[in-house]
Amino acid sequence: MCRKIFSSAILVALVLLVSGCAFAENLPSITMLSTKTCPACTQMEKVMKQLRSEYRGKVSTVHVYLEDNPDIAKKYNIRYVPTLIFRDGTGKMIAQQIGYRSLDDVLLTFAESGITFN
């Protein structure tokens, strides 16, 4: 499973544009854009860890700290955190959501696009 916390803007841009790690594995993915001081982001990271643990090898997760990558926030017009970007196994964006989501909410978002993790 591909799990990394990127601090390099170049690597982050590649992940967001190509997501080679997830796509090479043909896995659906979720990218969380957050800040280090955001309380909802801290809670969302717990959900991301649970997702990585319970669905290892079935979904790829990426976490981007916007303090370390302000150009990403500007380029993708990110105004609120956490922002979650959901992609299918081909890299096509299937959803973008703002704010905390429970694990059930995250799984439902994938399921609404026909992606299940049974």
Protein backbone atom coordinates (compact mmCIF):
# COMPACT_ATOMS: atom_id res chain seq x y z
CA MET A 1 0.00 0.00 0.00
CA CYS A 2 1.22 3.44 -0.80
CA ARG A 3 1.03 5.77 2.21
CA LYS A 4 3.14 8.90 2.32
CA ILE A 5 2.98 12.33 3.85
CA PHE A 6 4.49 14.64 1.28
CA SER A 7 6.30 17.84 2.12
CA SER A 8 7.71 18.59 -1.31
CA ALA A 9 5.46 20.68 -3.55
CA ILE A 10 6.81 18.90 -6.60
CA LEU A 11 5.92 15.48 -5.26
CA VAL A 12 2.51 16.68 -4.14
CA ALA A 13 1.73 18.13 -7.54
CA LEU A 14 2.67 14.83 -9.12
CA VAL A 15 0.46 12.95 -6.68
CA LEU A 16 -2.51 15.20 -7.30
CA LEU A 17 -2.09 15.28 -11.06
CA VAL A 18 -0.96 11.75 -11.72
CA SER A 19 -1.34 9.89 -8.39
CA GLY A 20 1.06 7.35 -9.81
CA CYS A 21 1.22 5.45 -6.56
CA ALA A 22 -2.49 4.70 -6.44
CA PHE A 23 -2.94 4.35 -10.18
CA ALA A 24 0.02 2.02 -10.61
CA GLU A 25 -1.78 -0.26 -8.17
CA ASN A 26 -5.16 0.43 -9.83
CA LEU A 27 -6.53 1.36 -6.43
CA PRO A 28 -9.14 3.95 -5.62
CA SER A 29 -7.62 6.75 -3.59
CA ILE A 30 -8.43 9.53 -1.19
CA THR A 31 -6.24 12.60 -0.83
CA MET A 32 -6.66 14.72 2.29
CA LEU A 33 -5.55 18.35 2.08
CA SER A 34 -5.20 19.80 5.56
CA THR A 35 -3.33 22.07 7.94
CA LYS A 36 -1.44 21.06 11.05
CA THR A 37 -3.53 23.25 13.36
CA CYS A 38 -7.04 22.41 12.14
CA PRO A 39 -9.07 20.43 14.74
CA ALA A 40 -11.32 18.82 12.10
CA CYS A 41 -8.19 17.79 10.18
CA THR A 42 -6.81 16.07 13.27
CA GLN A 43 -10.05 14.12 13.61
CA MET A 44 -10.07 13.32 9.89
CA GLU A 45 -6.52 11.94 10.12
CA LYS A 46 -7.85 9.36 12.60
CA VAL A 47 -10.38 8.26 9.98
CA MET A 48 -7.63 8.10 7.35
CA LYS A 49 -5.53 5.90 9.65
CA GLN A 50 -8.51 3.63 10.23
CA LEU A 51 -9.10 3.46 6.48
CA ARG A 52 -5.45 2.51 5.87
CA SER A 53 -5.60 -0.13 8.58
CA GLU A 54 -8.92 -1.75 7.74
CA TYR A 55 -8.68 -1.51 3.95
CA ARG A 56 -4.97 -2.12 3.39
CA GLY A 57 -4.31 -3.04 -0.23
CA LYS A 58 -7.78 -1.89 -1.32
CA VAL A 59 -7.49 1.89 -1.16
CA SER A 60 -4.59 4.32 -1.31
CA THR A 61 -4.40 7.36 0.98
CA VAL A 62 -2.38 10.54 0.58
CA HIS A 63 -2.11 13.37 3.12
CA VAL A 64 -0.93 16.83 2.05
CA TYR A 65 -0.17 19.59 4.58
CA LEU A 66 -0.97 22.92 2.97
CA GLU A 67 1.45 24.86 5.20
CA ASP A 68 4.24 22.91 3.52
CA ASN A 69 2.64 23.24 0.07
CA PRO A 70 0.87 26.63 -0.27
CA ASP A 71 1.11 26.45 -4.06
CA ILE A 72 -1.22 23.44 -4.02
CA ALA A 73 -3.88 25.40 -2.13
CA LYS A 74 -3.67 28.20 -4.70
CA LYS A 75 -3.55 25.94 -7.74
CA TYR A 76 -6.58 23.90 -6.69
CA ASN A 77 -8.42 26.83 -5.07
CA ILE A 78 -8.56 25.11 -1.68
CA ARG A 79 -10.27 27.48 0.75
CA TYR A 80 -11.40 25.12 3.52
CA VAL A 81 -9.81 22.17 5.26
CA PRO A 82 -9.92 19.34 5.43
CA THR A 83 -10.62 18.90 1.73
CA LEU A 84 -10.97 15.31 0.56
CA ILE A 85 -10.43 14.30 -3.07
CA PHE A 86 -11.72 10.87 -4.05
CA ARG A 87 -10.45 9.12 -7.19
CA ASP A 88 -11.24 5.78 -8.77
CA GLY A 89 -8.53 3.28 -9.74
CA THR A 90 -7.95 5.03 -13.07
CA GLY A 91 -7.31 8.39 -11.44
CA LYS A 92 -10.62 9.96 -12.36
CA MET A 93 -11.87 12.29 -9.63
CA ILE A 94 -15.20 10.96 -8.38
CA ALA A 95 -15.85 13.40 -5.53
CA GLN A 96 -14.47 16.34 -3.61
CA GLN A 97 -15.71 17.07 -0.10
CA ILE A 98 -14.97 19.62 2.57
CA GLY A 99 -14.94 18.96 6.28
CA TYR A 100 -14.78 15.99 8.59
CA ARG A 101 -16.29 12.73 7.35
CA SER A 102 -16.70 9.53 9.33
CA LEU A 103 -15.34 6.25 7.98
CA ASP A 104 -18.89 5.29 7.00
CA ASP A 105 -19.26 8.58 5.10
CA VAL A 106 -16.00 7.95 3.24
CA LEU A 107 -17.04 4.42 2.32
CA LEU A 108 -20.45 5.70 1.20
CA THR A 109 -18.81 8.26 -1.08
CA PHE A 110 -16.85 5.49 -2.79
CA ALA A 111 -19.94 3.24 -2.90
CA GLU A 112 -21.99 5.97 -4.61
CA SER A 113 -19.49 5.71 -7.47
CA GLY A 114 -19.71 1.91 -7.53
CA ILE A 115 -16.54 1.27 -5.54
CA THR A 116 -16.84 -1.18 -2.66
CA PHE A 117 -14.20 -2.80 -0.50
CA ASN A 118 -15.68 -6.20 0.35
